N, C-alpha and C. Protein backbone atom coordinates (compact mmCIF):
# COMPACT_ATOMS: atom_id res chain seq x y z
N UNK A 1 -10.01 16.05 19.56
CA UNK A 1 -10.67 16.27 18.30
C UNK A 1 -10.60 14.87 17.71
N UNK A 2 -11.81 14.41 17.34
CA UNK A 2 -11.91 13.18 16.97
C UNK A 2 -12.74 13.26 15.40
N UNK A 3 -11.74 13.14 14.42
CA UNK A 3 -12.21 13.27 12.96
C UNK A 3 -13.43 12.56 12.59
N UNK A 4 -13.47 11.16 13.03
CA UNK A 4 -14.57 10.22 12.94
C UNK A 4 -15.82 10.93 13.37
N UNK A 5 -15.96 11.24 14.57
CA UNK A 5 -17.23 11.83 15.28
C UNK A 5 -17.51 13.26 14.58
N UNK A 6 -16.31 14.12 14.19
CA UNK A 6 -16.71 15.42 13.63
C UNK A 6 -17.32 15.03 12.34
N UNK A 7 -16.87 14.10 11.64
CA UNK A 7 -17.61 13.79 10.18
C UNK A 7 -18.86 13.19 10.38
N UNK A 8 -19.20 12.62 11.42
CA UNK A 8 -20.70 12.11 11.29
C UNK A 8 -21.47 13.19 11.74
N UNK A 9 -21.06 14.33 12.60
CA UNK A 9 -21.75 15.36 13.09
C UNK A 9 -21.83 16.48 11.92
N UNK A 10 -20.85 16.45 11.10
CA UNK A 10 -20.75 17.67 10.14
C UNK A 10 -22.03 17.56 9.29
N UNK A 11 -22.52 18.81 8.85
CA UNK A 11 -23.48 18.78 7.82
C UNK A 11 -23.20 18.86 6.59
N UNK A 12 -23.86 18.44 5.56
CA UNK A 12 -23.61 18.71 4.23
C UNK A 12 -24.22 19.92 3.72
N UNK A 13 -23.27 20.77 3.04
CA UNK A 13 -23.55 22.16 2.58
C UNK A 13 -25.06 22.17 1.85
N UNK A 14 -25.21 21.05 1.20
CA UNK A 14 -26.48 21.00 0.19
C UNK A 14 -27.74 20.74 0.94
N UNK A 15 -27.59 20.14 2.15
CA UNK A 15 -28.83 19.76 3.06
C UNK A 15 -28.45 20.02 4.56
N UNK A 16 -29.50 19.89 5.45
CA UNK A 16 -29.37 19.96 6.79
C UNK A 16 -29.15 18.66 7.62
N UNK A 17 -29.08 17.83 6.86
CA UNK A 17 -28.83 16.36 7.23
C UNK A 17 -27.48 16.12 7.67
N UNK A 18 -27.16 15.36 8.78
CA UNK A 18 -25.66 15.10 9.16
C UNK A 18 -25.15 14.14 8.18
N UNK A 19 -23.85 14.02 7.97
CA UNK A 19 -23.26 13.43 7.01
C UNK A 19 -23.05 11.96 7.40
N UNK A 20 -23.72 10.91 7.08
CA UNK A 20 -23.44 9.53 7.68
C UNK A 20 -22.58 9.03 6.63
N UNK A 21 -21.94 7.73 6.79
CA UNK A 21 -21.06 7.15 5.93
C UNK A 21 -21.79 6.56 4.69
N UNK A 22 -23.35 6.16 5.00
CA UNK A 22 -24.20 5.85 3.70
C UNK A 22 -24.41 6.93 2.76
N UNK A 23 -24.70 8.20 3.46
CA UNK A 23 -25.03 9.29 2.64
C UNK A 23 -23.68 9.76 1.83
N UNK A 24 -22.67 9.61 2.75
CA UNK A 24 -21.25 10.26 1.95
C UNK A 24 -21.07 9.18 0.70
N UNK A 25 -21.28 7.97 0.93
CA UNK A 25 -20.88 6.99 -0.23
C UNK A 25 -21.82 7.40 -1.33
N UNK A 26 -22.99 7.52 -1.10
CA UNK A 26 -23.94 7.87 -2.29
C UNK A 26 -23.54 9.29 -2.91
N UNK A 27 -23.34 10.26 -2.13
CA UNK A 27 -22.86 11.44 -2.48
C UNK A 27 -21.52 11.48 -3.30
N UNK A 28 -20.69 10.59 -2.97
CA UNK A 28 -19.23 10.56 -3.75
C UNK A 28 -19.37 9.57 -4.71
N UNK A 29 -19.98 8.66 -4.82
CA UNK A 29 -19.72 7.51 -5.53
C UNK A 29 -20.93 7.02 -6.49
N UNK A 30 -22.10 7.46 -6.11
CA UNK A 30 -23.43 7.13 -6.94
C UNK A 30 -23.68 8.19 -8.00
N UNK A 31 -23.04 9.14 -8.24
CA UNK A 31 -23.05 10.07 -9.35
C UNK A 31 -22.48 9.22 -10.73
N UNK A 32 -23.14 9.66 -11.79
CA UNK A 32 -22.62 9.24 -13.14
C UNK A 32 -21.18 9.55 -13.38
N UNK A 33 -20.79 10.58 -13.03
CA UNK A 33 -19.37 11.23 -13.19
C UNK A 33 -18.53 11.21 -11.85
N UNK A 34 -18.76 10.08 -11.14
CA UNK A 34 -18.10 10.36 -9.83
C UNK A 34 -16.61 10.31 -9.65
N UNK A 35 -15.94 9.93 -10.75
CA UNK A 35 -14.54 10.04 -10.69
C UNK A 35 -14.21 11.47 -10.88
N UNK A 36 -14.74 12.18 -11.73
CA UNK A 36 -14.42 13.66 -12.01
C UNK A 36 -14.80 14.52 -10.99
N UNK A 37 -16.02 14.24 -10.35
CA UNK A 37 -16.58 14.71 -9.14
C UNK A 37 -15.61 14.85 -7.94
N UNK A 38 -15.14 13.59 -7.62
CA UNK A 38 -14.09 13.60 -6.54
C UNK A 38 -12.81 14.22 -6.81
N UNK A 39 -12.35 13.96 -8.01
CA UNK A 39 -11.09 14.75 -8.51
C UNK A 39 -11.18 16.13 -8.27
N UNK A 40 -12.25 16.64 -8.62
CA UNK A 40 -12.60 18.07 -8.50
C UNK A 40 -12.47 18.50 -6.98
N UNK A 41 -13.23 17.71 -6.24
CA UNK A 41 -13.27 17.93 -4.88
C UNK A 41 -12.03 17.80 -4.06
N UNK A 42 -11.04 17.00 -4.49
CA UNK A 42 -9.73 16.89 -3.98
C UNK A 42 -8.93 18.18 -4.39
N UNK A 43 -8.94 18.40 -5.62
CA UNK A 43 -8.21 19.66 -6.07
C UNK A 43 -8.59 20.88 -5.31
N UNK A 44 -9.99 20.98 -4.89
CA UNK A 44 -10.51 22.10 -4.22
C UNK A 44 -10.25 21.96 -2.83
N UNK A 45 -9.72 20.99 -2.37
CA UNK A 45 -9.54 20.72 -0.83
C UNK A 45 -10.89 20.34 -0.13
N UNK A 46 -11.77 19.74 -0.83
CA UNK A 46 -13.03 19.47 -0.09
C UNK A 46 -13.10 17.98 0.35
N UNK A 47 -12.20 17.24 0.21
CA UNK A 47 -11.97 15.95 0.91
C UNK A 47 -11.54 15.94 2.05
N UNK A 48 -12.32 16.28 3.07
CA UNK A 48 -11.87 16.59 4.37
C UNK A 48 -11.19 15.33 5.09
N UNK A 49 -10.40 15.46 6.02
CA UNK A 49 -9.63 14.43 6.50
C UNK A 49 -10.62 13.32 7.52
N UNK A 50 -11.66 13.75 7.84
CA UNK A 50 -12.51 12.93 8.59
C UNK A 50 -13.67 12.17 7.86
N UNK A 51 -13.52 12.22 6.45
CA UNK A 51 -14.49 11.68 5.67
C UNK A 51 -14.31 10.16 5.59
N UNK A 52 -15.33 9.43 5.36
CA UNK A 52 -15.20 7.96 5.53
C UNK A 52 -14.56 7.12 4.38
N UNK A 53 -14.44 7.75 3.28
CA UNK A 53 -14.13 6.93 2.11
C UNK A 53 -12.95 7.59 1.36
N UNK A 54 -11.93 8.07 2.22
CA UNK A 54 -10.67 8.74 1.52
C UNK A 54 -9.95 7.76 0.84
N UNK A 55 -9.82 6.42 1.27
CA UNK A 55 -8.99 5.57 0.51
C UNK A 55 -9.54 5.09 -0.80
N UNK A 56 -10.93 5.08 -0.88
CA UNK A 56 -11.52 4.95 -2.06
C UNK A 56 -11.25 5.85 -3.11
N UNK A 57 -11.25 7.14 -2.75
CA UNK A 57 -10.89 8.15 -3.57
C UNK A 57 -9.50 8.25 -3.92
N UNK A 58 -8.57 7.88 -3.06
CA UNK A 58 -7.14 7.94 -3.39
C UNK A 58 -6.92 6.63 -4.43
N UNK A 59 -7.63 5.49 -4.34
CA UNK A 59 -7.58 4.48 -5.23
C UNK A 59 -7.88 4.99 -6.63
N UNK A 60 -8.97 5.75 -6.54
CA UNK A 60 -9.33 6.29 -7.89
C UNK A 60 -8.33 7.11 -8.63
N UNK A 61 -7.91 8.04 -7.64
CA UNK A 61 -6.88 9.09 -8.13
C UNK A 61 -5.75 8.26 -8.81
N UNK A 62 -5.33 7.12 -8.10
CA UNK A 62 -3.91 6.42 -8.31
C UNK A 62 -4.26 5.51 -9.50
N UNK A 63 -5.34 5.39 -9.96
CA UNK A 63 -5.66 4.48 -11.08
C UNK A 63 -5.99 3.03 -10.59
N UNK A 64 -6.05 2.77 -9.31
CA UNK A 64 -6.31 1.44 -8.89
C UNK A 64 -7.50 0.78 -8.88
N UNK A 65 -8.51 1.89 -9.18
CA UNK A 65 -9.82 1.25 -9.35
C UNK A 65 -10.21 1.78 -10.69
N UNK A 66 -11.07 0.87 -11.25
CA UNK A 66 -11.72 1.32 -12.67
C UNK A 66 -12.70 2.53 -12.37
N UNK A 67 -13.21 3.16 -13.60
CA UNK A 67 -14.09 4.21 -13.23
C UNK A 67 -15.40 3.53 -13.08
N UNK A 68 -15.78 2.24 -13.58
CA UNK A 68 -17.09 1.65 -13.37
C UNK A 68 -17.24 1.12 -12.13
N UNK A 69 -18.08 1.38 -11.25
CA UNK A 69 -18.10 0.83 -10.01
C UNK A 69 -18.36 -0.57 -9.83
N UNK A 70 -19.16 -1.12 -10.65
CA UNK A 70 -19.46 -2.44 -10.62
C UNK A 70 -18.35 -3.40 -10.83
N UNK A 71 -17.20 -2.81 -11.33
CA UNK A 71 -15.78 -3.70 -11.69
C UNK A 71 -15.08 -3.55 -10.48
N UNK A 72 -15.29 -2.66 -9.21
CA UNK A 72 -14.25 -2.47 -8.40
C UNK A 72 -13.93 -3.63 -7.56
N UNK A 73 -14.98 -4.47 -7.20
CA UNK A 73 -14.72 -5.89 -6.35
C UNK A 73 -13.67 -6.64 -7.05
N UNK A 74 -13.93 -6.99 -8.29
CA UNK A 74 -13.21 -7.83 -9.07
C UNK A 74 -11.64 -7.26 -9.25
N UNK A 75 -11.69 -6.23 -9.40
CA UNK A 75 -10.26 -5.27 -9.64
C UNK A 75 -9.46 -5.44 -8.25
N UNK A 76 -10.17 -5.21 -7.06
CA UNK A 76 -9.49 -5.35 -5.90
C UNK A 76 -9.06 -6.63 -5.56
N UNK A 77 -9.87 -7.87 -5.81
CA UNK A 77 -9.47 -9.23 -5.82
C UNK A 77 -8.41 -9.40 -6.79
N UNK A 78 -8.42 -8.91 -8.01
CA UNK A 78 -7.30 -9.28 -8.90
C UNK A 78 -6.09 -8.55 -8.42
N UNK A 79 -6.11 -7.46 -7.85
CA UNK A 79 -4.77 -6.57 -7.36
C UNK A 79 -4.23 -7.37 -6.31
N UNK A 80 -4.95 -7.83 -5.51
CA UNK A 80 -4.57 -8.90 -4.11
C UNK A 80 -3.88 -9.99 -4.58
N UNK A 81 -4.47 -10.60 -5.60
CA UNK A 81 -3.76 -11.76 -6.07
C UNK A 81 -2.52 -11.38 -6.64
N UNK A 82 -2.46 -10.48 -7.55
CA UNK A 82 -0.98 -9.95 -8.17
C UNK A 82 -0.12 -9.51 -7.01
N UNK A 83 -0.48 -8.83 -6.03
CA UNK A 83 0.45 -8.60 -4.98
C UNK A 83 0.98 -9.75 -4.24
N UNK A 84 -0.02 -11.04 -3.96
CA UNK A 84 0.35 -12.15 -3.41
C UNK A 84 1.53 -12.78 -4.38
N UNK A 85 1.23 -12.90 -5.50
CA UNK A 85 2.06 -13.46 -6.51
C UNK A 85 3.43 -12.77 -6.58
N UNK A 86 3.40 -11.37 -6.53
CA UNK A 86 4.57 -10.78 -6.36
C UNK A 86 5.70 -10.92 -5.10
N UNK A 87 4.85 -11.01 -3.99
CA UNK A 87 5.58 -11.28 -2.80
C UNK A 87 6.20 -12.83 -2.87
N UNK A 88 5.41 -13.55 -3.29
CA UNK A 88 5.98 -14.97 -3.65
C UNK A 88 7.21 -15.15 -4.33
N UNK A 89 7.29 -14.35 -5.44
CA UNK A 89 8.25 -14.26 -6.45
C UNK A 89 9.69 -13.66 -5.88
N UNK A 90 9.29 -12.41 -5.05
CA UNK A 90 10.47 -11.71 -4.61
C UNK A 90 10.89 -11.95 -3.30
N UNK A 91 9.96 -12.47 -2.24
CA UNK A 91 10.39 -12.66 -0.96
C UNK A 91 10.51 -14.17 -0.77
N UNK A 92 11.73 -14.75 -0.85
CA UNK A 92 12.07 -16.07 -1.00
C UNK A 92 13.13 -16.56 -0.10
N UNK A 93 13.10 -17.67 0.30
CA UNK A 93 14.15 -18.33 1.03
C UNK A 93 14.87 -19.23 0.27
N UNK A 94 16.10 -19.24 -0.29
CA UNK A 94 16.74 -20.09 -1.06
C UNK A 94 16.74 -21.58 -0.46
N UNK A 95 16.61 -21.65 0.79
CA UNK A 95 16.38 -23.17 1.15
C UNK A 95 15.22 -23.82 0.47
N UNK A 96 14.20 -23.16 0.29
CA UNK A 96 12.81 -23.77 -0.35
C UNK A 96 13.25 -24.28 -1.67
N UNK A 97 14.26 -23.59 -2.48
CA UNK A 97 14.38 -24.04 -3.97
C UNK A 97 15.77 -24.96 -3.97
N UNK A 98 16.17 -25.47 -2.86
CA UNK A 98 17.55 -26.25 -3.00
C UNK A 98 17.20 -27.44 -3.77
N UNK A 99 16.13 -28.24 -3.69
CA UNK A 99 15.74 -29.37 -4.38
C UNK A 99 15.44 -29.09 -5.92
N UNK A 100 14.96 -27.89 -6.29
CA UNK A 100 14.54 -27.70 -7.65
C UNK A 100 15.69 -27.02 -8.56
N UNK A 101 16.96 -26.85 -7.84
CA UNK A 101 17.79 -26.13 -8.84
C UNK A 101 18.82 -27.16 -9.37
N UNK A 102 19.50 -26.97 -10.52
CA UNK A 102 20.39 -27.92 -10.84
C UNK A 102 21.76 -27.52 -10.59
N UNK A 103 21.85 -26.37 -9.87
CA UNK A 103 23.34 -25.78 -9.42
C UNK A 103 23.98 -26.73 -8.68
N UNK A 104 25.33 -26.82 -8.85
CA UNK A 104 26.27 -27.59 -8.00
C UNK A 104 26.33 -26.90 -6.65
N UNK A 105 27.04 -27.79 -5.62
CA UNK A 105 27.05 -27.19 -4.36
C UNK A 105 28.11 -26.04 -4.37
N UNK A 106 28.92 -26.00 -5.21
CA UNK A 106 29.95 -25.16 -5.20
C UNK A 106 29.36 -23.56 -5.46
N UNK A 107 28.30 -23.61 -6.06
CA UNK A 107 27.34 -22.42 -6.25
C UNK A 107 26.15 -22.37 -5.34
N UNK A 108 25.47 -23.45 -5.20
CA UNK A 108 24.32 -23.39 -4.51
C UNK A 108 24.70 -23.61 -2.95
N UNK A 109 25.35 -22.81 -2.29
CA UNK A 109 25.58 -22.97 -0.81
C UNK A 109 25.79 -21.46 -0.34
N UNK A 110 25.49 -21.22 1.07
CA UNK A 110 25.57 -20.13 1.59
C UNK A 110 26.79 -19.28 1.68
N UNK A 111 27.98 -19.86 1.51
CA UNK A 111 29.38 -19.10 1.30
C UNK A 111 29.68 -18.88 -0.13
N UNK A 112 29.01 -19.49 -1.19
CA UNK A 112 29.34 -19.04 -2.51
C UNK A 112 29.33 -17.50 -2.79
N UNK A 113 30.29 -17.01 -3.61
CA UNK A 113 30.28 -15.71 -4.01
C UNK A 113 29.86 -15.68 -5.55
N UNK A 114 29.57 -16.71 -5.96
CA UNK A 114 29.22 -16.74 -7.43
C UNK A 114 27.88 -15.87 -7.63
N UNK A 115 27.95 -15.14 -8.70
CA UNK A 115 26.94 -14.24 -9.17
C UNK A 115 25.62 -15.15 -9.36
N UNK A 116 25.62 -16.37 -9.74
CA UNK A 116 24.42 -17.11 -10.07
C UNK A 116 23.95 -17.95 -8.85
N UNK A 117 24.55 -17.76 -7.64
CA UNK A 117 24.26 -18.38 -6.46
C UNK A 117 23.08 -17.70 -5.87
N UNK A 118 21.89 -18.68 -5.54
CA UNK A 118 20.69 -18.23 -5.17
C UNK A 118 21.10 -17.46 -3.60
N UNK A 119 22.08 -17.96 -3.02
CA UNK A 119 22.42 -17.55 -1.76
C UNK A 119 23.01 -16.09 -1.67
N UNK A 120 23.77 -16.01 -2.75
CA UNK A 120 24.31 -14.58 -2.89
C UNK A 120 23.22 -13.49 -3.15
N UNK A 121 22.06 -13.88 -3.96
CA UNK A 121 21.04 -12.99 -4.23
C UNK A 121 20.41 -12.81 -3.07
N UNK A 122 20.19 -13.90 -2.21
CA UNK A 122 19.62 -13.91 -0.92
C UNK A 122 20.03 -12.77 0.04
N UNK A 123 21.52 -12.94 0.21
CA UNK A 123 22.13 -11.89 1.04
C UNK A 123 21.91 -10.48 0.49
N UNK A 124 22.14 -10.27 -0.74
CA UNK A 124 21.83 -8.91 -1.38
C UNK A 124 20.51 -8.51 -0.94
N UNK A 125 19.45 -9.30 -1.12
CA UNK A 125 18.09 -9.00 -0.87
C UNK A 125 18.02 -8.54 0.80
N UNK A 126 18.65 -9.37 1.57
CA UNK A 126 18.73 -9.21 2.95
C UNK A 126 19.24 -7.68 3.38
N UNK A 127 20.36 -7.30 2.55
CA UNK A 127 20.87 -5.99 2.85
C UNK A 127 19.83 -4.87 2.43
N UNK A 128 19.15 -5.24 1.29
CA UNK A 128 18.28 -4.24 0.83
C UNK A 128 17.02 -3.97 1.86
N UNK A 129 16.56 -5.17 2.37
CA UNK A 129 15.61 -5.07 3.40
C UNK A 129 16.11 -4.33 4.65
N UNK A 130 17.21 -4.56 5.04
CA UNK A 130 17.84 -3.87 6.17
C UNK A 130 17.93 -2.21 5.93
N UNK A 131 18.24 -1.94 4.59
CA UNK A 131 18.19 -0.53 4.35
C UNK A 131 16.79 0.03 4.52
N UNK A 132 15.83 -0.69 3.80
CA UNK A 132 14.39 -0.17 3.88
C UNK A 132 13.88 -0.26 5.28
N UNK A 133 14.28 -1.24 6.07
CA UNK A 133 13.67 -1.26 7.30
C UNK A 133 14.16 -0.14 8.30
N UNK A 134 15.31 0.23 8.00
CA UNK A 134 15.91 1.30 8.72
C UNK A 134 15.07 2.63 8.67
N UNK A 135 14.57 2.72 7.36
CA UNK A 135 13.85 3.98 6.97
C UNK A 135 12.41 3.63 7.63
N UNK A 136 11.95 2.43 7.49
CA UNK A 136 10.58 2.24 7.87
C UNK A 136 10.35 2.38 9.23
N UNK A 137 11.40 2.16 10.09
CA UNK A 137 11.28 2.36 11.58
C UNK A 137 11.39 3.74 12.01
N UNK A 138 11.68 4.80 10.97
CA UNK A 138 11.76 6.14 11.46
C UNK A 138 10.47 6.77 10.83
N UNK A 139 9.49 6.03 10.24
CA UNK A 139 8.35 6.57 9.73
C UNK A 139 7.49 7.18 10.69
N UNK A 140 7.05 8.49 10.56
CA UNK A 140 6.31 9.27 11.57
C UNK A 140 6.35 8.69 12.95
N UNK A 141 7.40 8.79 13.74
CA UNK A 141 7.65 8.31 15.04
C UNK A 141 6.38 8.83 16.01
N UNK A 142 5.74 9.72 15.75
CA UNK A 142 4.75 10.45 16.48
C UNK A 142 3.46 9.69 16.39
N UNK A 143 3.31 9.02 15.53
CA UNK A 143 2.00 8.07 15.37
C UNK A 143 2.36 6.76 15.67
N UNK A 144 1.47 6.43 16.71
CA UNK A 144 1.55 4.82 17.22
C UNK A 144 1.34 3.84 15.99
N UNK A 145 0.51 4.41 15.17
CA UNK A 145 0.08 3.31 13.80
C UNK A 145 1.45 2.90 13.43
N UNK A 146 2.26 3.70 13.16
CA UNK A 146 3.46 3.26 12.25
C UNK A 146 4.53 2.38 13.17
N UNK A 147 4.24 2.39 14.47
CA UNK A 147 5.11 1.74 15.21
C UNK A 147 4.68 0.05 15.47
N UNK A 148 3.59 -0.28 14.85
CA UNK A 148 3.13 -1.81 15.03
C UNK A 148 4.00 -2.50 14.05
N UNK A 149 4.42 -3.59 14.62
CA UNK A 149 5.21 -4.61 13.72
C UNK A 149 4.57 -4.93 12.50
N UNK A 150 3.16 -5.19 12.53
CA UNK A 150 2.46 -5.70 11.31
C UNK A 150 2.57 -4.44 10.27
N UNK A 151 2.63 -3.09 10.76
CA UNK A 151 2.53 -2.11 9.73
C UNK A 151 3.77 -2.04 9.01
N UNK A 152 4.83 -2.17 9.90
CA UNK A 152 6.29 -2.06 9.34
C UNK A 152 6.52 -3.17 8.58
N UNK A 153 6.13 -4.41 8.85
CA UNK A 153 6.33 -5.61 7.86
C UNK A 153 5.63 -5.25 6.50
N UNK A 154 4.42 -4.69 6.76
CA UNK A 154 3.59 -4.30 5.37
C UNK A 154 4.42 -3.59 4.64
N UNK A 155 4.79 -2.36 5.19
CA UNK A 155 5.77 -1.18 4.37
C UNK A 155 7.02 -1.96 3.87
N UNK A 156 7.57 -2.83 4.47
CA UNK A 156 8.90 -3.69 4.15
C UNK A 156 8.50 -4.18 2.84
N UNK A 157 7.53 -5.03 2.97
CA UNK A 157 7.17 -5.92 1.76
C UNK A 157 6.88 -5.34 0.68
N UNK A 158 6.13 -4.32 0.92
CA UNK A 158 5.68 -3.29 -0.34
C UNK A 158 6.88 -2.64 -0.96
N UNK A 159 7.51 -2.01 -0.10
CA UNK A 159 8.85 -1.33 -0.73
C UNK A 159 9.83 -2.29 -1.22
N UNK A 160 9.95 -3.44 -0.64
CA UNK A 160 10.92 -4.41 -1.32
C UNK A 160 10.49 -4.96 -2.55
N UNK A 161 9.35 -5.41 -2.61
CA UNK A 161 8.60 -5.86 -3.85
C UNK A 161 8.88 -4.73 -4.91
N UNK A 162 8.50 -3.61 -4.63
CA UNK A 162 8.65 -2.55 -5.51
C UNK A 162 10.13 -2.27 -6.06
N UNK A 163 11.11 -2.51 -5.14
CA UNK A 163 12.40 -2.23 -5.43
C UNK A 163 12.85 -3.32 -6.37
N UNK A 164 12.48 -4.66 -6.05
CA UNK A 164 12.88 -5.79 -6.89
C UNK A 164 12.10 -5.91 -8.24
N UNK A 165 10.96 -5.33 -8.33
CA UNK A 165 10.18 -5.26 -9.66
C UNK A 165 10.75 -4.24 -10.48
N UNK A 166 11.47 -3.16 -9.98
CA UNK A 166 11.95 -2.23 -10.67
C UNK A 166 13.37 -1.92 -10.36
N UNK A 167 14.23 -2.66 -10.78
CA UNK A 167 15.63 -2.58 -10.42
C UNK A 167 16.28 -1.29 -10.62
N UNK A 168 16.10 -0.66 -11.78
CA UNK A 168 16.45 0.52 -12.19
C UNK A 168 16.48 1.62 -11.17
N UNK A 169 15.26 1.62 -10.51
CA UNK A 169 14.97 2.70 -9.51
C UNK A 169 15.22 1.89 -8.17
N UNK A 170 14.88 0.81 -8.02
CA UNK A 170 15.13 -0.09 -6.62
C UNK A 170 14.42 0.67 -5.51
N UNK A 171 15.14 1.01 -4.39
CA UNK A 171 14.54 1.65 -3.31
C UNK A 171 15.45 2.87 -2.98
N UNK A 172 14.75 3.97 -3.04
CA UNK A 172 15.35 5.15 -2.61
C UNK A 172 14.78 5.79 -1.22
N UNK A 173 15.73 6.38 -0.57
CA UNK A 173 15.48 6.99 0.64
C UNK A 173 14.25 7.78 0.52
N UNK A 174 13.26 7.71 1.41
CA UNK A 174 12.02 8.66 1.37
C UNK A 174 10.97 7.98 0.69
N UNK A 175 10.95 6.95 0.11
CA UNK A 175 9.83 6.00 -0.60
C UNK A 175 8.85 5.76 0.56
N UNK A 176 9.45 5.49 1.66
CA UNK A 176 8.60 4.91 2.90
C UNK A 176 7.62 6.15 3.37
N UNK A 177 8.03 7.36 2.88
CA UNK A 177 7.22 8.59 3.38
C UNK A 177 6.07 8.66 2.39
N UNK A 178 6.27 8.23 1.08
CA UNK A 178 5.21 8.17 0.23
C UNK A 178 4.07 7.09 0.25
N UNK A 179 4.75 6.06 0.78
CA UNK A 179 3.78 4.95 1.07
C UNK A 179 2.93 5.07 2.31
N UNK A 180 3.63 5.66 3.48
CA UNK A 180 2.95 5.87 4.75
C UNK A 180 1.65 6.50 4.73
N UNK A 181 1.14 7.68 4.21
CA UNK A 181 0.00 8.29 4.17
C UNK A 181 -1.06 7.22 3.37
N UNK A 182 -0.63 6.54 2.51
CA UNK A 182 -1.68 5.73 1.92
C UNK A 182 -2.02 4.71 2.89
N UNK A 183 -1.15 3.90 3.34
CA UNK A 183 -1.54 2.85 4.35
C UNK A 183 -2.34 3.49 5.33
N UNK A 184 -1.91 4.66 5.93
CA UNK A 184 -2.66 5.31 7.05
C UNK A 184 -4.10 5.66 6.79
N UNK A 185 -4.40 5.96 5.56
CA UNK A 185 -5.71 6.36 5.08
C UNK A 185 -6.45 5.07 4.75
N UNK A 186 -5.85 3.92 4.19
CA UNK A 186 -6.46 2.64 4.14
C UNK A 186 -6.88 2.08 5.48
N UNK A 187 -6.11 2.32 6.41
CA UNK A 187 -6.39 1.85 7.71
C UNK A 187 -7.51 2.51 8.33
N UNK A 188 -7.46 3.99 8.29
CA UNK A 188 -8.49 4.67 8.70
C UNK A 188 -9.90 4.30 8.39
N UNK A 189 -10.01 4.21 7.10
CA UNK A 189 -11.17 3.66 6.39
C UNK A 189 -11.58 2.25 6.96
N UNK A 190 -10.83 1.54 7.27
CA UNK A 190 -11.16 0.23 7.81
C UNK A 190 -11.83 0.30 9.18
N UNK A 191 -11.62 1.26 9.86
CA UNK A 191 -12.06 1.50 11.26
C UNK A 191 -13.43 2.16 11.21
N UNK A 192 -13.81 2.74 10.15
CA UNK A 192 -15.05 3.55 10.22
C UNK A 192 -16.30 2.80 9.95
């Protein structure tokens, strides 16, 4: 069963024409009230697994895309810049900041247990990453997609940045299972 091929040969109930990615895009996103339409379709189970633009629908459902289609491209660029800045802020190597800190060597060294030590924080972060990676490596083992090192690194980075950005919640076991379907759908759209 190939969901991509099935989607291409499936017919739209309102016409006898096969659904192509172009016709599906128009049907889903060219209506004036497209956000409401796709939300209704989702609630009714009419966003089938083989459809070409599930990730766009999810982005709308999750509030990652504004309602106005003409603003989508800029919003995606802005979100990517924000994510890169977040990664830069949280995924850090303390050796990079050695010259920029005013801390004494009694604090700024790998053996320091001082709470202000960048190394102490680095080792705490490494422990958090190990905890996250342990779950990430168990993500849907029956799907080859989740075995790819790049996908596992992506999951690790996203979950780690989330944990650092919201330390009250941090990382909880099972968060990887919430992230996984989103990444899978984004990748599936990319291949269509």
